Amino acid sequence: MRRHYKQLILIGIIILLSGLTLGFQKIKVGNFERGSDTILGLSLGLELQGGSHLVYQALDPDTKDPFVADDNSKEMDSLKKSIERRIAAAGLGEPIIQIIGDNRLLIQMPGVKDPERAKSIIGETAQLEFKHRKLNVAQNIVGLSDNIATNIYAAESPEDDAGVTTTGDEQKPGSLYIELTPEDAEVFSNVLSRMVDDFSKFAGQQTILQNPSTIEMSIQGNSALKYNIFAIQIIRKENSNEFIFPLPPDPMNQTNYSIEETNNIIGENGKVYFSEVIGSLDEDIGLTGDDLATSYPGTHANSQQPIVNLVFKERGTAIFAELTQRIAGSPTDQIAIILDDKELLSPVVQSEILSGTTIIEGNFTLQEVKDISLLLESGRLPLPIELLRERNVDAILGADSLQKSLIAGIIGLGLVILFMVLYYRIPGLIAGVALVIYTSIVLSILKISPGNLTTLNLSGVAALILSIGMAVDANILIFERMKEELSQGRTVLSSINIGFNRAWPAIRDGNVSTLITCGVLFWFSQQLGETILQGFAVTLAIGVAISMFSAIVVSCTFLRILANTSFGKKSFLYIPTK
């Protein structure tokens, strides 16, 4: 009897601890901290509180193909930690992040209210680059010979070439004709085609068309003349090596030279040279986000517009100072600031900057500068990532699912207890009490368990309800064995002891089989990245383990204590109704 009271004290302590665990939404003891603002402080999954389910593919930085990890590769672990830091800094809650296979990352963010912002925070590589941008850089055209023109002259424009010349009242009719060698004609024609394609490709993008590439012509004859024209202004005659150009511009009269004036400039032995003038050419100076000491949002002192403040480390300060000293005051030199291949701005440097600080400004909102600062502060991702799958659950739908799950669980548990009491009488009442204790223990374990596998979602609720049914099965096995012993005339206490002993092997074997199934299900779901199945397997395994404790320890102890009271003499209270 004393042993039963010891077990009763143990059960009482467990009930007390479970009550305290579930009685407070948040628990903090030293460094141990669990709970949340949800019901009972449980960690709820996407289906129960809404949020985002994202699957990303890690890419090779060079080829952009799926990343292939070797045996000692740590990139995926570094990628996971980098994203964890970003999400934590952005205040997006406590994510569930899991590496799937060799190169995929599963991210679940329960309760996130702005999925688009979350994707932006996660998916940006945050590769910050500073480049020296040179404007209007003339480059020799590769493949052209030194003496490319075989004939140069100005003449009237044929009717079908009227569109070649510049329109306007002050335009004098005529065109410049230049015949090239066959080899040079092909090279020059290919360059023109490429430039025209580029021009058409970027048409409408004002940042590109502000400074498009051109052809620089240098004529050396009786006098020297150099000017730029667009590739679309040059026409190659069909089945000919001759090209038609607009007449040269006359800078003194703000019009074009006449045919006669042009021929006088060319003379008898005029030569022509071509260069391709790149509208803008970016030079890598070795200054990246890795050279930043810190970044933080702010507002401009004059315009009060949101800005991102940048502070360089020692190396970055030296590079930035040297560049600004070299290009300060030059209208054809800029510093292009590029984040993940997107240009943020490209200012002209008015004066040298030696302090190691600068700002990024533009048409940013306050939230945008906060996010940019966060990305730069958290550092670039070790690998670029690509979003493969996305699933968002609305918070209202999550709350509705939670409410329905609670109602279903309470109704189910109540009906089971009612059936057990009506059919098994006192043992059924004991089983009902044991089920309530069982439920509180399982929920307490789910609440205080570390990691993300005990996050409760719809599949976890299903597993919890299923495990309640299995706990009832264990009690039914025991009670049926008790009934057999009572029908043979044994005492209540003897029937309880024999019933438990005979039912235990069946309970043990059945639950062990279920635990093995949970292990197999967990392993396969881990390989496939299906956290819904993982949560089901973990919750069911916890429920099965506690159900054995509930049936063998809790129910057995309560029944044995009752058997030693006056209720033990009334065997009819232990026999199921017929």
Protein backbone atom coordinates (compact mmCIF):
# COMPACT_ATOMS: atom_id res chain seq x y z
CA MET A 1 0.00 0.00 0.00
CA ARG A 2 2.88 2.32 0.82
CA ARG A 3 4.29 1.77 -2.67
CA HIS A 4 0.97 2.89 -4.16
CA TYR A 5 1.12 6.12 -2.18
CA LYS A 6 4.66 6.76 -3.44
CA GLN A 7 3.39 6.34 -6.98
CA LEU A 8 0.48 8.64 -6.15
CA ILE A 9 2.92 11.30 -4.93
CA LEU A 10 4.92 10.91 -8.16
CA ILE A 11 1.74 11.30 -10.21
CA GLY A 12 0.80 14.36 -8.14
CA ILE A 13 4.19 15.98 -8.79
CA ILE A 14 3.84 15.33 -12.52
CA ILE A 15 0.32 16.80 -12.52
CA LEU A 16 1.59 19.87 -10.64
CA LEU A 17 4.47 20.40 -13.06
CA SER A 18 2.16 19.96 -16.06
CA GLY A 19 -0.30 22.44 -14.57
CA LEU A 20 2.43 25.01 -13.97
CA THR A 21 3.82 24.47 -17.47
CA LEU A 22 0.45 24.99 -19.13
CA GLY A 23 -0.74 27.62 -16.66
CA PHE A 24 1.75 30.23 -17.86
CA GLN A 25 2.01 31.18 -21.53
CA LYS A 26 5.72 31.89 -21.23
CA ILE A 27 8.25 30.14 -19.00
CA LYS A 28 11.69 31.52 -18.24
CA VAL A 29 14.06 29.93 -15.75
CA GLY A 30 17.62 31.20 -16.18
CA ASN A 31 18.61 30.57 -19.79
CA PHE A 32 15.68 28.19 -20.27
CA GLU A 33 12.87 29.97 -22.09
CA ARG A 34 9.81 28.43 -23.69
CA GLY A 35 6.28 29.41 -24.65
CA SER A 36 4.61 32.06 -26.78
CA ASP A 37 1.55 34.29 -26.87
CA THR A 38 -0.64 31.53 -28.32
CA ILE A 39 -3.12 29.32 -26.47
CA LEU A 40 -1.41 27.54 -23.52
CA GLY A 41 1.85 29.02 -24.86
CA LEU A 42 2.18 26.18 -27.39
CA SER A 43 4.28 26.61 -30.50
CA LEU A 44 1.70 26.53 -33.28
CA GLY A 45 2.39 25.69 -36.90
CA LEU A 46 1.27 27.41 -40.10
CA GLU A 47 -2.13 25.75 -40.29
CA LEU A 48 -3.08 26.96 -36.80
CA GLN A 49 -1.87 30.56 -36.84
CA GLY A 50 -1.10 31.36 -40.49
CA GLY A 51 2.28 32.11 -42.03
CA SER A 52 4.59 31.15 -44.90
CA HIS A 53 6.07 27.85 -46.05
CA LEU A 54 9.06 28.40 -48.36
CA VAL A 55 11.41 25.94 -50.07
CA TYR A 56 14.65 27.38 -51.52
CA GLN A 57 17.26 25.86 -53.82
CA ALA A 58 20.90 26.80 -53.17
CA LEU A 59 22.74 27.73 -56.37
CA ASP A 60 26.35 27.63 -57.44
CA PRO A 61 27.66 31.23 -57.26
CA ASP A 62 29.40 30.96 -60.64
CA THR A 63 27.15 28.82 -62.83
CA LYS A 64 23.80 29.46 -61.09
CA ASP A 65 23.15 25.73 -61.37
CA PRO A 66 21.93 23.76 -58.32
CA PHE A 67 24.68 23.75 -55.71
CA VAL A 68 26.58 20.47 -55.35
CA ALA A 69 28.04 19.98 -51.88
CA ASP A 70 31.02 17.76 -51.15
CA ASP A 71 31.41 15.61 -48.04
CA ASN A 72 33.10 18.36 -46.02
CA SER A 73 31.00 21.23 -47.30
CA LYS A 74 29.76 23.67 -44.66
CA GLU A 75 28.05 26.11 -47.02
CA MET A 76 24.51 24.89 -46.31
CA ASP A 77 25.03 25.20 -42.55
CA SER A 78 26.41 28.71 -43.05
CA LEU A 79 23.46 29.55 -45.30
CA LYS A 80 21.00 28.36 -42.66
CA LYS A 81 22.68 30.41 -39.92
CA SER A 82 22.80 33.53 -42.11
CA ILE A 83 19.07 33.31 -42.82
CA GLU A 84 18.33 32.70 -39.13
CA ARG A 85 20.22 35.90 -38.26
CA ARG A 86 18.34 37.89 -40.89
CA ILE A 87 14.91 36.70 -39.78
CA ALA A 88 15.73 37.33 -36.13
CA ALA A 89 17.03 40.85 -36.88
CA ALA A 90 13.93 41.62 -38.97
CA GLY A 91 11.62 40.61 -36.12
CA LEU A 92 9.81 38.01 -38.22
CA GLY A 93 9.32 35.60 -35.32
CA GLU A 94 10.89 32.21 -34.68
CA PRO A 95 11.27 30.38 -38.00
CA ILE A 96 11.54 26.67 -38.59
CA ILE A 97 14.57 26.23 -40.87
CA GLN A 98 15.65 22.82 -42.08
CA ILE A 99 18.23 21.60 -44.60
CA ILE A 100 16.67 19.17 -47.08
CA GLY A 101 19.01 16.85 -48.92
CA ASP A 102 22.21 18.43 -50.20
CA ASN A 103 21.09 21.81 -51.48
CA ARG A 104 17.59 22.73 -50.38
CA LEU A 105 16.34 24.77 -47.48
CA LEU A 106 12.88 24.60 -45.93
CA ILE A 107 11.75 27.72 -44.08
CA GLN A 108 8.49 27.94 -42.16
CA MET A 109 7.49 31.21 -40.52
CA PRO A 110 4.32 30.84 -38.46
CA GLY A 111 2.48 34.07 -37.77
CA VAL A 112 4.35 36.20 -40.32
CA LYS A 113 2.06 39.02 -41.49
CA ASP A 114 3.96 40.25 -44.56
CA PRO A 115 5.06 37.25 -46.69
CA GLU A 116 6.47 39.46 -49.48
CA ARG A 117 8.76 41.32 -47.10
CA ALA A 118 9.82 38.01 -45.55
CA LYS A 119 10.76 36.64 -48.98
CA SER A 120 12.72 39.81 -49.73
CA ILE A 121 14.63 39.56 -46.46
CA ILE A 122 15.41 35.88 -46.99
CA GLY A 123 16.04 35.69 -50.72
CA GLU A 124 18.34 38.66 -51.28
CA THR A 125 21.96 37.55 -51.48
CA ALA A 126 22.98 41.01 -50.18
CA GLN A 127 26.01 41.16 -52.47
CA LEU A 128 26.97 44.84 -52.21
CA GLU A 129 29.49 46.16 -54.73
CA PHE A 130 31.06 49.54 -55.35
CA LYS A 131 32.32 50.14 -58.89
CA HIS A 132 34.14 52.97 -60.61
CA ARG A 133 31.89 53.95 -63.50
CA LYS A 134 33.55 55.69 -66.43
CA LEU A 135 31.25 57.51 -68.84
CA ASN A 136 31.81 57.73 -72.61
CA VAL A 137 34.86 55.47 -72.79
CA ALA A 138 36.23 55.13 -76.33
CA GLN A 139 37.50 51.66 -77.27
CA ASN A 140 39.08 50.41 -80.46
CA ILE A 141 36.86 48.09 -82.46
CA VAL A 142 38.55 44.70 -82.44
CA GLY A 143 39.11 43.34 -85.94
CA LEU A 144 39.25 46.61 -87.87
CA SER A 145 42.45 47.29 -89.81
CA ASP A 146 44.35 50.59 -89.66
CA ASN A 147 43.42 51.65 -93.18
CA ILE A 148 39.84 50.48 -93.47
CA ALA A 149 38.31 52.97 -95.93
CA THR A 150 38.84 52.53 -99.66
CA ASN A 151 36.64 55.47 -100.63
CA ILE A 152 35.23 58.46 -98.69
CA TYR A 153 32.99 61.16 -100.17
CA ALA A 154 29.90 63.24 -99.53
CA ALA A 155 27.03 63.30 -101.99
CA GLU A 156 23.32 63.84 -102.27
CA SER A 157 21.16 61.29 -100.49
CA PRO A 158 19.18 58.92 -102.68
CA GLU A 159 15.41 58.93 -102.12
CA ASP A 160 15.46 55.59 -100.27
CA ASP A 161 18.13 56.94 -97.89
CA ALA A 162 16.25 60.08 -96.95
CA GLY A 163 15.69 58.82 -93.46
CA VAL A 164 19.40 58.63 -92.85
CA THR A 165 19.94 62.35 -92.54
CA THR A 166 18.94 64.38 -89.52
CA THR A 167 15.60 66.13 -89.91
CA GLY A 168 15.08 69.85 -89.29
CA ASP A 169 14.82 73.10 -91.19
CA GLU A 170 18.53 73.81 -90.86
CA GLN A 171 19.61 70.41 -92.23
CA LYS A 172 21.45 70.55 -95.52
CA PRO A 173 20.63 67.53 -97.77
CA GLY A 174 23.25 64.92 -98.35
CA SER A 175 25.09 62.01 -96.77
CA LEU A 176 28.59 60.79 -96.15
CA TYR A 177 29.53 57.60 -98.00
CA ILE A 178 32.37 55.40 -96.76
CA GLU A 179 33.39 52.21 -98.52
CA LEU A 180 35.32 49.66 -96.43
CA THR A 181 37.34 46.60 -97.31
CA PRO A 182 35.21 43.41 -97.36
CA GLU A 183 36.72 42.12 -94.11
CA ASP A 184 36.35 45.43 -92.30
CA ALA A 185 32.81 45.84 -93.63
CA GLU A 186 31.72 42.58 -92.00
CA VAL A 187 33.34 43.46 -88.68
CA PHE A 188 31.84 46.95 -88.67
CA SER A 189 28.41 45.64 -89.69
CA ASN A 190 28.40 43.14 -86.81
CA VAL A 191 29.30 45.88 -84.33
CA LEU A 192 26.48 48.08 -85.62
CA SER A 193 23.97 45.21 -85.38
CA ARG A 194 24.96 44.53 -81.80
CA MET A 195 24.70 48.18 -80.82
CA VAL A 196 21.28 48.55 -82.47
CA ASP A 197 20.05 45.41 -80.70
CA ASP A 198 21.31 46.73 -77.37
CA PHE A 199 19.65 50.07 -78.00
CA SER A 200 16.32 48.40 -78.81
CA LYS A 201 16.64 46.02 -75.88
CA PHE A 202 17.00 48.82 -73.35
CA ALA A 203 14.53 51.20 -74.98
CA GLY A 204 12.31 52.59 -72.28
CA GLN A 205 14.88 52.12 -69.53
CA GLN A 206 15.78 55.74 -68.90
CA THR A 207 18.87 54.87 -66.84
CA ILE A 208 20.39 53.14 -69.86
CA LEU A 209 19.31 55.62 -72.53
CA GLN A 210 20.66 58.60 -70.62
CA ASN A 211 24.09 57.65 -71.92
CA PRO A 212 23.87 55.11 -74.76
CA SER A 213 26.86 53.77 -76.67
CA THR A 214 27.85 55.51 -79.90
CA ILE A 215 30.32 55.29 -82.78
CA GLU A 216 33.12 57.85 -82.67
CA MET A 217 34.27 58.89 -86.15
CA SER A 218 37.64 60.53 -86.66
CA ILE A 219 38.25 61.96 -90.14
CA GLN A 220 41.79 62.93 -91.08
CA GLY A 221 41.97 64.91 -94.34
CA ASN A 222 42.61 68.56 -95.17
CA SER A 223 41.51 69.14 -91.57
CA ALA A 224 40.69 66.93 -88.61
CA LEU A 225 37.15 66.24 -87.54
CA LYS A 226 35.89 64.01 -84.71
CA TYR A 227 32.26 63.44 -83.73
CA ASN A 228 29.89 60.78 -82.40
CA ILE A 229 26.84 59.25 -84.06
CA PHE A 230 24.35 56.56 -83.07
CA ALA A 231 24.51 53.14 -84.67
CA ILE A 232 20.89 53.42 -85.82
CA GLN A 233 21.91 56.42 -87.97
CA ILE A 234 24.27 54.29 -90.07
CA ILE A 235 23.00 52.20 -92.99
CA ARG A 236 24.86 49.60 -95.00
CA LYS A 237 23.97 49.49 -98.68
CA GLU A 238 22.48 46.20 -99.76
CA ASN A 239 25.02 43.82 -101.33
CA SER A 240 27.73 46.42 -100.84
CA ASN A 241 30.61 47.29 -98.53
CA GLU A 242 29.56 50.93 -98.57
CA PHE A 243 27.98 52.58 -95.50
CA ILE A 244 25.87 55.73 -95.43
CA PHE A 245 26.39 58.22 -92.59
CA PRO A 246 24.83 61.58 -91.73
CA LEU A 247 26.91 64.57 -92.73
CA PRO A 248 29.29 65.74 -89.98
CA PRO A 249 27.95 68.31 -87.49
CA ASP A 250 29.19 71.90 -87.72
CA PRO A 251 29.73 73.01 -84.10
CA MET A 252 29.95 76.67 -85.09
CA ASN A 253 26.52 76.86 -86.76
CA GLN A 254 24.75 74.15 -84.75
CA THR A 255 23.89 72.36 -87.98
CA ASN A 256 25.57 69.90 -90.33
CA TYR A 257 28.27 70.64 -92.86
CA SER A 258 27.17 70.81 -96.47
CA ILE A 259 28.28 68.28 -99.08
CA GLU A 260 30.89 70.68 -100.40
CA GLU A 261 32.20 71.54 -96.93
CA THR A 262 32.45 67.85 -96.05
CA ASN A 263 34.38 66.99 -99.21
CA ASN A 264 36.77 69.88 -98.52
CA ILE A 265 37.44 68.47 -95.05
CA ILE A 266 38.08 64.98 -96.46
CA GLY A 267 40.33 66.13 -99.27
CA GLU A 268 41.86 63.77 -101.77
CA ASN A 269 43.57 61.41 -99.30
CA GLY A 270 41.17 61.50 -96.37
CA LYS A 271 41.18 58.67 -93.87
CA VAL A 272 38.62 57.62 -91.31
CA TYR A 273 38.97 55.84 -87.97
CA PHE A 274 36.18 54.30 -85.88
CA SER A 275 35.94 53.73 -82.15
CA GLU A 276 33.10 52.36 -80.09
CA VAL A 277 32.21 54.75 -77.28
CA ILE A 278 30.80 52.81 -74.36
CA GLY A 279 28.12 54.86 -72.65
CA SER A 280 29.27 53.61 -69.27
CA LEU A 281 31.94 51.15 -68.26
CA ASP A 282 32.13 49.74 -64.72
CA GLU A 283 35.54 48.99 -63.23
CA ASP A 284 35.80 46.62 -60.28
CA ILE A 285 37.75 48.31 -57.47
CA GLY A 286 37.58 45.44 -54.97
CA LEU A 287 35.20 47.22 -52.59
CA THR A 288 32.26 45.07 -51.42
CA GLY A 289 29.89 44.59 -48.52
CA ASP A 290 32.59 42.58 -46.77
CA ASP A 291 34.43 45.86 -46.24
CA LEU A 292 31.55 47.37 -44.25
CA ALA A 293 31.90 47.78 -40.51
CA THR A 294 28.24 48.64 -40.01
CA SER A 295 25.15 50.00 -41.74
CA TYR A 296 22.10 51.65 -40.25
CA PRO A 297 19.00 53.54 -41.41
CA GLY A 298 18.60 57.29 -41.00
CA THR A 299 17.25 60.45 -42.61
CA HIS A 300 19.08 63.02 -44.74
CA ALA A 301 19.94 66.18 -42.82
CA ASN A 302 18.65 68.47 -45.58
CA SER A 303 15.94 66.59 -47.48
CA GLN A 304 14.73 64.51 -44.51
CA GLN A 305 14.47 61.55 -46.90
CA PRO A 306 15.24 58.02 -45.64
CA ILE A 307 18.85 56.98 -46.25
CA VAL A 308 21.19 54.09 -45.47
CA ASN A 309 24.36 55.07 -43.62
CA LEU A 310 27.49 53.04 -44.40
CA VAL A 311 30.67 52.85 -42.32
CA PHE A 312 33.69 51.09 -43.84
CA LYS A 313 36.35 49.02 -42.15
CA GLU A 314 39.98 50.13 -42.41
CA ARG A 315 40.57 48.46 -45.77
CA GLY A 316 37.32 49.78 -47.23
CA THR A 317 38.07 53.28 -45.95
CA ALA A 318 41.43 53.27 -47.76
CA ILE A 319 39.97 52.05 -51.08
CA PHE A 320 37.06 54.49 -50.95
CA ALA A 321 39.32 57.41 -50.05
CA GLU A 322 41.77 56.67 -52.88
CA LEU A 323 38.96 56.44 -55.45
CA THR A 324 37.19 59.62 -54.34
CA GLN A 325 40.49 61.52 -54.35
CA ARG A 326 41.15 60.38 -57.91
CA ILE A 327 37.74 61.13 -59.46
CA ALA A 328 36.50 64.06 -57.34
CA GLY A 329 35.01 66.78 -59.55
CA SER A 330 35.09 64.70 -62.75
CA PRO A 331 31.70 64.72 -64.57
CA THR A 332 32.59 61.53 -66.48
CA ASP A 333 33.36 59.45 -63.39
CA GLN A 334 30.84 58.02 -60.94
CA ILE A 335 30.68 55.52 -58.09
CA ALA A 336 28.04 52.90 -58.88
CA ILE A 337 26.55 51.25 -55.78
CA ILE A 338 25.03 47.89 -56.72
CA LEU A 339 23.09 45.49 -54.50
CA ASP A 340 22.40 42.01 -55.90
CA ASP A 341 22.96 43.20 -59.48
CA LYS A 342 20.49 46.07 -58.98
CA GLU A 343 21.90 49.58 -59.17
CA LEU A 344 20.89 51.66 -56.17
CA LEU A 345 22.53 54.89 -57.30
CA SER A 346 25.60 56.18 -59.17
CA PRO A 347 26.57 59.64 -57.92
CA VAL A 348 29.29 61.92 -59.23
CA VAL A 349 31.87 62.60 -56.51
CA GLN A 350 32.01 66.30 -55.71
CA SER A 351 34.85 66.10 -53.19
CA GLU A 352 37.11 63.47 -51.67
CA ILE A 353 35.76 61.37 -48.79
CA LEU A 354 38.41 60.32 -46.29
CA SER A 355 36.26 59.53 -43.25
CA GLY A 356 35.23 56.04 -44.36
CA THR A 357 31.53 56.87 -44.29
CA THR A 358 28.97 57.39 -47.03
CA ILE A 359 25.24 57.15 -47.58
CA ILE A 360 22.83 55.44 -49.97
CA GLU A 361 19.88 57.61 -50.88
CA GLY A 362 17.06 57.38 -53.37
CA ASN A 363 13.30 57.06 -53.48
CA PHE A 364 13.28 54.73 -50.49
CA THR A 365 10.63 54.32 -47.83
CA LEU A 366 11.64 54.10 -44.19
CA GLN A 367 10.91 50.35 -44.21
CA GLU A 368 13.07 49.87 -47.31
CA VAL A 369 16.11 51.57 -45.77
CA LYS A 370 15.61 49.49 -42.63
CA ASP A 371 15.57 46.29 -44.69
CA ILE A 372 18.59 47.30 -46.80
CA SER A 373 20.52 48.15 -43.63
CA LEU A 374 19.50 44.82 -42.13
CA LEU A 375 20.66 42.88 -45.20
CA LEU A 376 24.01 44.65 -45.28
CA GLU A 377 24.50 44.32 -41.53
CA SER A 378 23.73 40.58 -41.53
CA GLY A 379 26.18 40.00 -44.38
CA ARG A 380 25.78 38.40 -47.76
CA LEU A 381 24.57 34.84 -48.09
CA PRO A 382 27.35 32.30 -48.72
CA LEU A 383 25.27 30.94 -51.61
CA PRO A 384 22.60 32.52 -53.81
CA ILE A 385 19.19 30.91 -53.42
CA GLU A 386 16.14 30.45 -55.63
CA LEU A 387 12.56 30.06 -54.42
CA LEU A 388 11.12 26.72 -55.55
CA ARG A 389 7.86 26.40 -53.64
CA GLU A 390 5.71 28.76 -51.63
CA ARG A 391 2.60 28.23 -49.54
CA ASN A 392 0.95 30.96 -47.50
CA VAL A 393 -1.79 30.42 -44.91
CA ASP A 394 -3.94 33.39 -43.94
CA ALA A 395 -3.98 34.19 -40.22
CA ILE A 396 -7.79 34.16 -40.18
CA LEU A 397 -7.86 30.67 -41.69
CA GLY A 398 -5.24 29.61 -39.13
CA ALA A 399 -7.32 30.92 -36.24
CA ASP A 400 -10.38 29.17 -37.65
CA SER A 401 -8.44 25.89 -37.93
CA LEU A 402 -7.21 26.27 -34.35
CA GLN A 403 -10.72 26.87 -33.04
CA LYS A 404 -12.13 23.88 -34.91
CA SER A 405 -9.24 21.68 -33.76
CA LEU A 406 -9.83 22.63 -30.12
CA ILE A 407 -13.55 21.97 -30.40
CA ALA A 408 -12.93 18.62 -32.09
CA GLY A 409 -10.38 17.61 -29.45
CA ILE A 410 -12.56 18.60 -26.50
CA ILE A 411 -15.67 16.91 -27.92
CA GLY A 412 -13.71 13.79 -28.80
CA LEU A 413 -12.09 13.54 -25.37
CA GLY A 414 -15.43 14.17 -23.63
CA LEU A 415 -17.26 11.50 -25.64
CA VAL A 416 -14.52 8.95 -24.97
CA ILE A 417 -14.61 9.63 -21.22
CA LEU A 418 -18.43 9.48 -21.21
CA PHE A 419 -18.41 6.13 -22.99
CA MET A 420 -15.78 4.71 -20.65
CA VAL A 421 -17.72 5.79 -17.54
CA LEU A 422 -21.05 4.47 -18.80
CA TYR A 423 -19.64 1.15 -19.95
CA TYR A 424 -16.80 0.35 -17.53
CA ARG A 425 -18.13 2.27 -14.51
CA ILE A 426 -15.38 2.89 -11.90
CA PRO A 427 -12.53 1.69 -14.18
CA GLY A 428 -13.97 3.93 -16.90
CA LEU A 429 -13.99 6.91 -14.53
CA ILE A 430 -10.38 6.15 -13.58
CA ALA A 431 -9.50 5.91 -17.29
CA GLY A 432 -11.15 9.30 -17.89
CA VAL A 433 -9.06 10.91 -15.14
CA ALA A 434 -5.96 9.20 -16.57
CA LEU A 435 -6.78 10.57 -20.03
CA VAL A 436 -7.01 14.13 -18.71
CA ILE A 437 -3.65 13.67 -16.97
CA TYR A 438 -2.26 12.08 -20.14
CA THR A 439 -3.38 15.04 -22.28
CA SER A 440 -1.84 17.60 -19.91
CA ILE A 441 1.49 15.72 -19.82
CA VAL A 442 1.67 15.46 -23.62
CA LEU A 443 0.86 19.16 -24.10
CA SER A 444 3.47 20.09 -21.48
CA ILE A 445 6.13 18.05 -23.28
CA LEU A 446 5.20 19.65 -26.61
CA LYS A 447 5.51 23.08 -25.01
CA ILE A 448 8.90 22.67 -23.33
CA SER A 449 10.61 20.47 -25.92
CA PRO A 450 13.48 22.18 -27.79
CA GLY A 451 13.65 22.45 -31.55
CA ASN A 452 10.93 22.82 -34.13
CA LEU A 453 9.69 19.25 -34.45
CA THR A 454 7.18 19.64 -31.61
CA THR A 455 5.50 22.64 -33.22
CA LEU A 456 1.80 21.82 -33.18
CA ASN A 457 0.06 21.87 -36.55
CA LEU A 458 -3.02 20.16 -37.93
CA SER A 459 -1.17 16.88 -38.41
CA GLY A 460 0.08 17.15 -34.82
CA VAL A 461 -3.48 17.63 -33.59
CA ALA A 462 -4.50 14.55 -35.57
CA ALA A 463 -1.62 12.59 -34.01
CA LEU A 464 -2.59 13.83 -30.55
CA ILE A 465 -6.20 12.70 -30.98
CA LEU A 466 -5.01 9.37 -32.41
CA SER A 467 -2.71 8.82 -29.43
CA ILE A 468 -5.65 9.50 -27.07
CA GLY A 469 -7.47 6.69 -28.82
CA MET A 470 -4.46 4.42 -28.35
CA ALA A 471 -4.33 5.33 -24.66
CA VAL A 472 -7.99 4.31 -24.42
CA ASP A 473 -7.16 1.02 -26.17
CA ALA A 474 -4.56 0.26 -23.51
CA ASN A 475 -7.11 0.83 -20.74
CA ILE A 476 -9.70 -1.30 -22.52
CA LEU A 477 -7.24 -4.21 -22.77
CA ILE A 478 -6.62 -3.97 -19.03
CA PHE A 479 -10.30 -3.68 -18.13
CA GLU A 480 -11.28 -6.64 -20.30
CA ARG A 481 -8.66 -8.79 -18.59
CA MET A 482 -10.01 -7.59 -15.23
CA LYS A 483 -13.53 -8.55 -16.29
CA GLU A 484 -12.40 -12.08 -17.10
CA GLU A 485 -10.78 -12.46 -13.69
CA LEU A 486 -13.78 -11.02 -11.84
CA SER A 487 -16.12 -13.39 -13.67
CA GLN A 488 -14.04 -16.29 -12.30
CA GLY A 489 -14.68 -15.12 -8.74
CA ARG A 490 -11.38 -13.36 -7.98
CA THR A 491 -11.25 -10.32 -5.74
CA VAL A 492 -11.11 -6.82 -7.22
CA LEU A 493 -7.46 -6.26 -6.20
CA SER A 494 -6.41 -9.66 -7.52
CA SER A 495 -8.29 -9.05 -10.78
CA ILE A 496 -6.58 -5.68 -11.17
CA ASN A 497 -3.09 -7.14 -10.67
CA ILE A 498 -3.65 -10.11 -12.98
CA GLY A 499 -5.42 -7.97 -15.58
CA PHE A 500 -2.53 -5.51 -15.75
CA ASN A 501 0.07 -8.29 -15.94
CA ARG A 502 -1.73 -10.08 -18.76
CA ALA A 503 -2.54 -6.94 -20.75
CA TRP A 504 0.97 -5.49 -20.54
CA PRO A 505 2.63 -7.67 -23.27
CA ALA A 506 -0.08 -6.76 -25.80
CA ILE A 507 0.11 -3.07 -24.87
CA ARG A 508 3.91 -3.10 -25.06
CA ASP A 509 4.14 -4.90 -28.41
CA GLY A 510 1.46 -2.75 -30.02
CA ASN A 511 3.03 0.51 -28.87
CA VAL A 512 6.57 -0.56 -29.80
CA SER A 513 5.31 -1.37 -33.31
CA THR A 514 3.75 2.10 -33.49
CA LEU A 515 6.99 3.72 -32.31
CA ILE A 516 8.93 1.88 -35.02
CA THR A 517 6.41 3.11 -37.60
CA CYS A 518 6.84 6.66 -36.28
CA GLY A 519 10.61 6.34 -36.68
CA VAL A 520 10.31 5.15 -40.29
CA LEU A 521 7.78 7.88 -41.10
CA PHE A 522 10.02 10.52 -39.54
CA TRP A 523 13.05 9.40 -41.55
CA PHE A 524 11.24 9.40 -44.89
CA SER A 525 9.56 12.74 -44.23
CA GLN A 526 12.95 14.22 -43.29
CA GLN A 527 14.40 13.13 -46.62
CA LEU A 528 11.44 14.65 -48.49
CA GLY A 529 11.33 17.82 -46.40
CA GLU A 530 7.71 17.26 -45.38
CA THR A 531 7.57 18.79 -41.91
CA ILE A 532 3.85 18.04 -41.68
CA LEU A 533 4.63 14.31 -41.61
CA GLN A 534 7.56 14.88 -39.27
CA GLY A 535 5.33 16.70 -36.80
CA PHE A 536 2.78 13.90 -37.02
CA ALA A 537 5.43 11.25 -36.33
CA VAL A 538 7.00 13.10 -33.39
CA THR A 539 3.67 13.99 -31.74
CA LEU A 540 2.37 10.44 -32.16
CA ALA A 541 5.58 8.97 -30.71
CA ILE A 542 5.35 11.24 -27.66
CA GLY A 543 1.68 10.37 -27.24
CA VAL A 544 2.30 6.62 -27.48
CA ALA A 545 5.11 6.75 -24.93
CA ILE A 546 3.00 8.74 -22.45
CA SER A 547 -0.03 6.50 -23.08
CA MET A 548 1.92 3.55 -21.69
CA PHE A 549 2.76 5.56 -18.57
CA SER A 550 -0.88 6.65 -18.29
CA ALA A 551 -2.29 3.13 -18.52
CA ILE A 552 0.30 1.18 -16.54
CA VAL A 553 1.19 3.73 -13.84
CA VAL A 554 -1.69 6.22 -13.48
CA SER A 555 -4.69 3.94 -14.09
CA CYS A 556 -3.11 1.02 -12.22
CA THR A 557 -2.23 3.12 -9.17
CA PHE A 558 -5.68 4.70 -8.88
CA LEU A 559 -7.45 1.35 -9.27
CA ARG A 560 -5.27 -0.38 -6.68
CA ILE A 561 -5.82 2.41 -4.16
CA LEU A 562 -9.59 2.22 -4.70
CA ALA A 563 -9.50 -1.56 -4.38
CA ASN A 564 -8.15 -1.15 -0.85
CA THR A 565 -11.13 1.00 0.13
CA SER A 566 -14.78 0.12 0.58
CA PHE A 567 -15.21 0.35 -3.20
CA GLY A 568 -13.03 -2.73 -3.50
CA LYS A 569 -15.77 -4.85 -1.97
CA LYS A 570 -18.32 -3.90 -4.61
CA SER A 571 -17.16 -5.90 -7.59
CA PHE A 572 -20.25 -5.02 -9.65
CA LEU A 573 -18.87 -1.49 -9.96
CA TYR A 574 -15.92 -2.92 -11.93
CA ILE A 575 -17.90 -5.11 -14.33
CA PRO A 576 -18.98 -3.54 -17.64
CA THR A 577 -22.67 -2.99 -18.24
CA LYS A 578 -24.44 -5.35 -20.61
